[in-house]
Amino acid sequence: MTRFVQGADRGQSTLLPECLDDWVADDNPVRVVDAFVAALDLAELGFGGVEPAGTGRPSYHPAALLRLYIHGYLNRGAFEPPARA
């Protein structure tokens, strides 16, 4: 058992569509972010927590958090609250 919080398998079949990967278009920038982060050696870049601790609550893998951070940065306008009039 790994000590990271386990995410859903994107290739796992679901009711509609057949798998989660079908929901994301082939030209969606999230695929570039995913491939970019997967190609990085996070331990060599100095990311902490790449090797999980043996005690305590499982943490999220640093690669998953980096994907979220980059995606949020690229879509920063979508996450800001609406301006007040």
N, C-alpha and C. Protein backbone atom coordinates (compact mmCIF):
# COMPACT_ATOMS: atom_id res chain seq x y z
N MET A 1 0.84 -1.19 0.00
CA MET A 1 0.00 0.00 0.00
C MET A 1 0.88 1.24 0.00
N THR A 2 0.57 2.18 -0.87
CA THR A 2 1.34 3.41 -0.92
C THR A 2 0.83 4.37 0.13
N ARG A 3 1.62 5.35 0.45
CA ARG A 3 1.25 6.31 1.48
C ARG A 3 0.74 7.61 0.87
N PHE A 4 0.31 7.60 -0.36
CA PHE A 4 -0.30 8.76 -0.98
C PHE A 4 -1.79 8.53 -1.12
N VAL A 5 -2.57 9.60 -1.12
CA VAL A 5 -4.00 9.51 -1.39
C VAL A 5 -4.16 9.01 -2.81
N GLN A 6 -4.95 7.97 -3.00
CA GLN A 6 -5.11 7.37 -4.32
C GLN A 6 -6.21 8.08 -5.10
N GLY A 7 -5.90 8.52 -6.30
CA GLY A 7 -6.88 9.13 -7.18
C GLY A 7 -7.56 8.08 -8.03
N ALA A 8 -8.57 8.50 -8.74
CA ALA A 8 -9.29 7.59 -9.62
C ALA A 8 -8.45 7.30 -10.86
N ASP A 9 -8.52 6.09 -11.35
CA ASP A 9 -7.83 5.71 -12.57
C ASP A 9 -8.58 6.32 -13.75
N ARG A 10 -7.90 7.13 -14.54
CA ARG A 10 -8.57 7.80 -15.66
C ARG A 10 -8.97 6.84 -16.77
N GLY A 11 -8.46 5.63 -16.75
CA GLY A 11 -8.82 4.66 -17.76
C GLY A 11 -9.94 3.72 -17.30
N GLN A 12 -10.38 3.89 -16.06
CA GLN A 12 -11.43 3.02 -15.52
C GLN A 12 -12.75 3.30 -16.20
N SER A 13 -13.45 2.26 -16.53
CA SER A 13 -14.75 2.42 -17.18
C SER A 13 -15.77 2.98 -16.21
N THR A 14 -16.60 3.87 -16.71
CA THR A 14 -17.70 4.45 -15.95
C THR A 14 -18.97 4.31 -16.78
N LEU A 15 -20.07 4.78 -16.27
CA LEU A 15 -21.32 4.63 -16.98
C LEU A 15 -21.33 5.44 -18.28
N LEU A 16 -21.19 6.74 -18.21
CA LEU A 16 -21.18 7.61 -19.40
C LEU A 16 -20.15 8.69 -19.22
N PRO A 17 -19.26 8.94 -20.10
CA PRO A 17 -18.82 8.10 -21.21
C PRO A 17 -18.09 6.88 -20.69
N GLU A 18 -17.53 6.10 -21.61
CA GLU A 18 -16.92 4.83 -21.19
C GLU A 18 -15.80 5.00 -20.19
N CYS A 19 -14.98 6.02 -20.33
CA CYS A 19 -13.93 6.27 -19.34
C CYS A 19 -13.71 7.77 -19.18
N LEU A 20 -13.13 8.14 -18.07
CA LEU A 20 -12.93 9.54 -17.72
C LEU A 20 -12.10 10.28 -18.77
N ASP A 21 -11.17 9.58 -19.38
CA ASP A 21 -10.31 10.19 -20.39
C ASP A 21 -11.12 10.68 -21.60
N ASP A 22 -12.30 10.09 -21.84
CA ASP A 22 -13.14 10.51 -22.96
C ASP A 22 -13.74 11.90 -22.74
N TRP A 23 -13.79 12.36 -21.52
CA TRP A 23 -14.38 13.68 -21.21
C TRP A 23 -13.45 14.82 -21.59
N VAL A 24 -12.18 14.53 -21.74
CA VAL A 24 -11.18 15.56 -22.03
C VAL A 24 -10.82 15.49 -23.52
N ALA A 25 -10.98 16.61 -24.21
CA ALA A 25 -10.66 16.65 -25.63
C ALA A 25 -9.16 16.43 -25.86
N ASP A 26 -8.83 15.91 -27.03
CA ASP A 26 -7.43 15.63 -27.34
C ASP A 26 -6.57 16.88 -27.38
N ASP A 27 -7.17 18.03 -27.71
CA ASP A 27 -6.40 19.27 -27.79
C ASP A 27 -6.51 20.13 -26.53
N ASN A 28 -7.04 19.58 -25.45
CA ASN A 28 -7.18 20.32 -24.20
C ASN A 28 -5.80 20.53 -23.57
N PRO A 29 -5.50 21.76 -23.10
CA PRO A 29 -4.19 22.04 -22.49
C PRO A 29 -3.89 21.19 -21.26
N VAL A 30 -4.90 20.62 -20.62
CA VAL A 30 -4.65 19.80 -19.44
C VAL A 30 -3.82 18.57 -19.80
N ARG A 31 -3.91 18.12 -21.03
CA ARG A 31 -3.09 16.98 -21.47
C ARG A 31 -1.61 17.37 -21.55
N VAL A 32 -1.33 18.60 -21.95
CA VAL A 32 0.06 19.07 -22.00
C VAL A 32 0.61 19.19 -20.58
N VAL A 33 -0.20 19.73 -19.67
CA VAL A 33 0.22 19.86 -18.28
C VAL A 33 0.51 18.48 -17.70
N ASP A 34 -0.36 17.53 -17.95
CA ASP A 34 -0.19 16.17 -17.44
C ASP A 34 1.11 15.55 -17.97
N ALA A 35 1.36 15.66 -19.27
CA ALA A 35 2.57 15.10 -19.86
C ALA A 35 3.82 15.81 -19.35
N PHE A 36 3.73 17.13 -19.18
CA PHE A 36 4.88 17.91 -18.69
C PHE A 36 5.26 17.48 -17.28
N VAL A 37 4.29 17.42 -16.39
CA VAL A 37 4.57 17.06 -15.00
C VAL A 37 5.04 15.60 -14.91
N ALA A 38 4.48 14.73 -15.72
CA ALA A 38 4.89 13.32 -15.71
C ALA A 38 6.35 13.16 -16.14
N ALA A 39 6.85 14.08 -16.97
CA ALA A 39 8.23 13.99 -17.45
C ALA A 39 9.24 14.56 -16.45
N LEU A 40 8.78 15.27 -15.44
CA LEU A 40 9.68 15.88 -14.46
C LEU A 40 10.15 14.88 -13.42
N ASP A 41 11.40 15.05 -12.98
CA ASP A 41 11.90 14.30 -11.83
C ASP A 41 11.76 15.22 -10.62
N LEU A 42 10.65 15.09 -9.91
CA LEU A 42 10.33 16.02 -8.83
C LEU A 42 11.34 15.97 -7.69
N ALA A 43 11.87 14.79 -7.40
CA ALA A 43 12.86 14.68 -6.33
C ALA A 43 14.13 15.44 -6.69
N GLU A 44 14.53 15.36 -7.94
CA GLU A 44 15.73 16.07 -8.39
C GLU A 44 15.51 17.59 -8.38
N LEU A 45 14.27 18.01 -8.59
CA LEU A 45 13.95 19.43 -8.57
C LEU A 45 13.76 19.98 -7.16
N GLY A 46 13.83 19.13 -6.16
CA GLY A 46 13.77 19.58 -4.78
C GLY A 46 12.38 19.57 -4.16
N PHE A 47 11.43 18.92 -4.79
CA PHE A 47 10.10 18.83 -4.21
C PHE A 47 10.14 17.90 -3.00
N GLY A 48 9.58 18.35 -1.89
CA GLY A 48 9.50 17.52 -0.70
C GLY A 48 8.31 16.59 -0.79
N GLY A 49 8.38 15.49 -0.09
CA GLY A 49 7.26 14.57 -0.03
C GLY A 49 7.14 13.61 -1.19
N VAL A 50 8.16 13.56 -2.05
CA VAL A 50 8.10 12.62 -3.17
C VAL A 50 8.16 11.19 -2.64
N GLU A 51 8.94 11.00 -1.58
CA GLU A 51 8.95 9.72 -0.88
C GLU A 51 8.03 9.87 0.31
N PRO A 52 6.93 9.11 0.36
CA PRO A 52 5.93 9.30 1.42
C PRO A 52 6.44 8.90 2.79
N ALA A 53 5.92 9.58 3.81
CA ALA A 53 6.24 9.23 5.20
C ALA A 53 5.51 7.94 5.57
N GLY A 54 6.07 7.22 6.50
CA GLY A 54 5.47 5.96 6.90
C GLY A 54 4.38 6.10 7.95
N THR A 55 4.21 7.30 8.47
CA THR A 55 3.21 7.50 9.53
C THR A 55 2.29 8.66 9.16
N GLY A 56 1.20 8.75 9.87
CA GLY A 56 0.27 9.86 9.66
C GLY A 56 -0.67 9.60 8.49
N ARG A 57 -1.48 10.61 8.21
CA ARG A 57 -2.44 10.51 7.13
C ARG A 57 -1.70 10.55 5.80
N PRO A 58 -2.13 9.75 4.83
CA PRO A 58 -1.49 9.81 3.50
C PRO A 58 -1.65 11.20 2.89
N SER A 59 -0.60 11.65 2.24
CA SER A 59 -0.63 12.97 1.61
C SER A 59 -0.96 12.82 0.13
N TYR A 60 -1.19 13.94 -0.51
CA TYR A 60 -1.36 13.95 -1.96
C TYR A 60 0.02 13.96 -2.60
N HIS A 61 0.17 13.26 -3.70
CA HIS A 61 1.46 13.20 -4.38
C HIS A 61 1.80 14.60 -4.90
N PRO A 62 3.05 15.02 -4.75
CA PRO A 62 3.44 16.35 -5.23
C PRO A 62 3.14 16.57 -6.72
N ALA A 63 3.19 15.53 -7.53
CA ALA A 63 2.89 15.67 -8.96
C ALA A 63 1.42 16.06 -9.16
N ALA A 64 0.52 15.49 -8.37
CA ALA A 64 -0.89 15.83 -8.49
C ALA A 64 -1.12 17.28 -8.08
N LEU A 65 -0.45 17.73 -7.03
CA LEU A 65 -0.59 19.12 -6.58
C LEU A 65 0.01 20.09 -7.60
N LEU A 66 1.13 19.71 -8.20
CA LEU A 66 1.74 20.57 -9.21
C LEU A 66 0.85 20.68 -10.44
N ARG A 67 0.21 19.58 -10.84
CA ARG A 67 -0.73 19.64 -11.97
C ARG A 67 -1.86 20.63 -11.68
N LEU A 68 -2.41 20.55 -10.48
CA LEU A 68 -3.48 21.47 -10.09
C LEU A 68 -3.00 22.92 -10.08
N TYR A 69 -1.81 23.15 -9.56
CA TYR A 69 -1.26 24.50 -9.49
C TYR A 69 -1.07 25.09 -10.89
N ILE A 70 -0.47 24.32 -11.78
CA ILE A 70 -0.23 24.80 -13.15
C ILE A 70 -1.56 25.03 -13.87
N HIS A 71 -2.49 24.11 -13.72
CA HIS A 71 -3.80 24.27 -14.36
C HIS A 71 -4.51 25.51 -13.82
N GLY A 72 -4.45 25.74 -12.53
CA GLY A 72 -5.04 26.94 -11.95
C GLY A 72 -4.37 28.21 -12.44
N TYR A 73 -3.05 28.18 -12.60
CA TYR A 73 -2.33 29.35 -13.10
C TYR A 73 -2.73 29.65 -14.54
N LEU A 74 -2.83 28.62 -15.36
CA LEU A 74 -3.21 28.82 -16.76
C LEU A 74 -4.64 29.32 -16.91
N ASN A 75 -5.51 28.98 -15.95
CA ASN A 75 -6.92 29.34 -16.01
C ASN A 75 -7.29 30.29 -14.87
N ARG A 76 -6.40 31.17 -14.52
CA ARG A 76 -6.57 32.02 -13.34
C ARG A 76 -7.86 32.84 -13.38
N GLY A 77 -8.34 33.21 -14.53
CA GLY A 77 -9.57 33.98 -14.61
C GLY A 77 -10.80 33.17 -14.23
N ALA A 78 -10.75 31.87 -14.43
CA ALA A 78 -11.92 31.02 -14.14
C ALA A 78 -12.13 30.81 -12.65
N PHE A 79 -11.10 31.04 -11.84
CA PHE A 79 -11.20 30.75 -10.42
C PHE A 79 -11.38 32.02 -9.58
N GLU A 80 -11.37 33.16 -10.20
CA GLU A 80 -11.55 34.41 -9.44
C GLU A 80 -13.03 34.67 -9.23
N PRO A 81 -13.39 35.20 -8.05
CA PRO A 81 -14.80 35.52 -7.83
C PRO A 81 -15.23 36.66 -8.75
N PRO A 82 -16.51 36.76 -9.07
CA PRO A 82 -16.97 37.84 -9.93
C PRO A 82 -16.75 39.20 -9.27
N ALA A 83 -16.47 40.19 -10.08
CA ALA A 83 -16.23 41.55 -9.55
C ALA A 83 -17.54 42.13 -9.04
N ARG A 84 -17.43 42.88 -7.97
CA ARG A 84 -18.62 43.54 -7.40
C ARG A 84 -18.88 44.85 -8.14
N ALA A 85 -20.13 45.15 -8.33
CA ALA A 85 -20.49 46.36 -9.06
C ALA A 85 -20.45 47.58 -8.18
